[in-house]
Amino acid sequence: MEKTVANRIAFAQTRDLLLEGQNVRICVQGQSMLPFFRSGSVITLRPLRHEDLQLKNIYSIISNSIWETSKKI
């Protein structure tokens, strides 16, 4: 069974799960992160660890309920 949830609800739940230390799998929508992610791809978000802080990694940052995802080069 497939269920559609408003972004604000999905993002809030995702944020809460990440803060609890859990991984979250999501389906990418849109093309803004091409060529790294394609619409329909399933990716795993996980809490940031110190060893993740490297060039060329992709980070998603939540600040004041606004999500920003970018590749640090």
Protein backbone atom coordinates (compact mmCIF):
# COMPACT_ATOMS: atom_id res chain seq x y z
CA MET A 1 0.00 0.00 0.00
CA GLU A 2 1.39 3.39 -1.01
CA LYS A 3 0.62 6.52 0.99
CA THR A 4 1.31 10.15 0.12
CA VAL A 5 2.29 12.43 2.99
CA ALA A 6 2.72 16.22 2.89
CA ASN A 7 6.38 17.28 2.76
CA ARG A 8 6.17 19.24 6.03
CA ILE A 9 4.96 16.11 7.84
CA ALA A 10 7.46 13.80 6.14
CA PHE A 11 10.37 16.17 6.80
CA ALA A 12 9.39 16.56 10.47
CA GLN A 13 9.20 12.78 10.92
CA THR A 14 12.49 12.28 9.10
CA ARG A 15 14.17 14.93 11.27
CA ASP A 16 12.86 13.27 14.44
CA LEU A 17 14.06 9.81 13.36
CA LEU A 18 17.52 11.15 12.48
CA LEU A 19 17.76 12.92 15.85
CA GLU A 20 16.97 9.55 17.47
CA GLY A 21 19.97 8.09 15.61
CA GLN A 22 17.96 6.09 13.07
CA ASN A 23 18.54 5.76 9.33
CA VAL A 24 15.73 6.82 6.98
CA ARG A 25 15.18 5.63 3.39
CA ILE A 26 13.47 8.08 1.03
CA CYS A 27 12.53 8.16 -2.63
CA VAL A 28 14.08 11.12 -4.49
CA GLN A 29 11.61 13.43 -6.21
CA GLY A 30 12.76 15.90 -8.87
CA GLN A 31 16.04 16.55 -10.67
CA SER A 32 17.75 19.25 -8.57
CA MET A 33 20.59 16.93 -7.46
CA LEU A 34 21.46 15.50 -10.89
CA PRO A 35 23.75 13.75 -11.68
CA PHE A 36 24.14 12.46 -8.11
CA PHE A 37 20.50 11.52 -7.49
CA ARG A 38 17.81 10.83 -10.08
CA SER A 39 14.08 11.12 -9.50
CA GLY A 40 12.81 7.74 -8.31
CA SER A 41 16.12 6.68 -6.73
CA VAL A 42 15.93 5.45 -3.16
CA ILE A 43 18.57 6.91 -0.86
CA THR A 44 19.38 6.42 2.83
CA LEU A 45 19.74 9.39 5.16
CA ARG A 46 21.60 8.86 8.41
CA PRO A 47 22.83 11.04 11.23
CA LEU A 48 26.12 12.78 10.49
CA ARG A 49 29.22 11.20 12.00
CA HIS A 50 32.58 12.91 12.43
CA GLU A 51 34.22 10.62 9.85
CA ASP A 52 31.58 11.68 7.27
CA LEU A 53 33.06 15.18 7.10
CA GLN A 54 35.01 14.78 3.89
CA LEU A 55 35.16 16.58 0.59
CA LYS A 56 32.88 15.20 -2.14
CA ASN A 57 30.31 13.83 0.32
CA ILE A 58 26.70 14.95 0.08
CA TYR A 59 25.10 16.48 3.17
CA SER A 60 21.53 17.37 4.01
CA ILE A 61 21.25 20.04 6.67
CA ILE A 62 18.12 21.02 8.59
CA SER A 63 17.96 24.54 10.01
CA ASN A 64 14.77 26.23 11.20
CA SER A 65 12.70 23.53 9.45
CA ILE A 66 14.42 24.28 6.10
CA TRP A 67 16.28 21.44 4.37
CA GLU A 68 19.37 22.15 2.29
CA THR A 69 21.16 19.37 0.44
CA SER A 70 24.46 19.95 -1.32
CA LYS A 71 27.69 18.30 -2.34
CA LYS A 72 30.76 19.74 -0.67
CA ILE A 73 33.69 19.92 -3.10
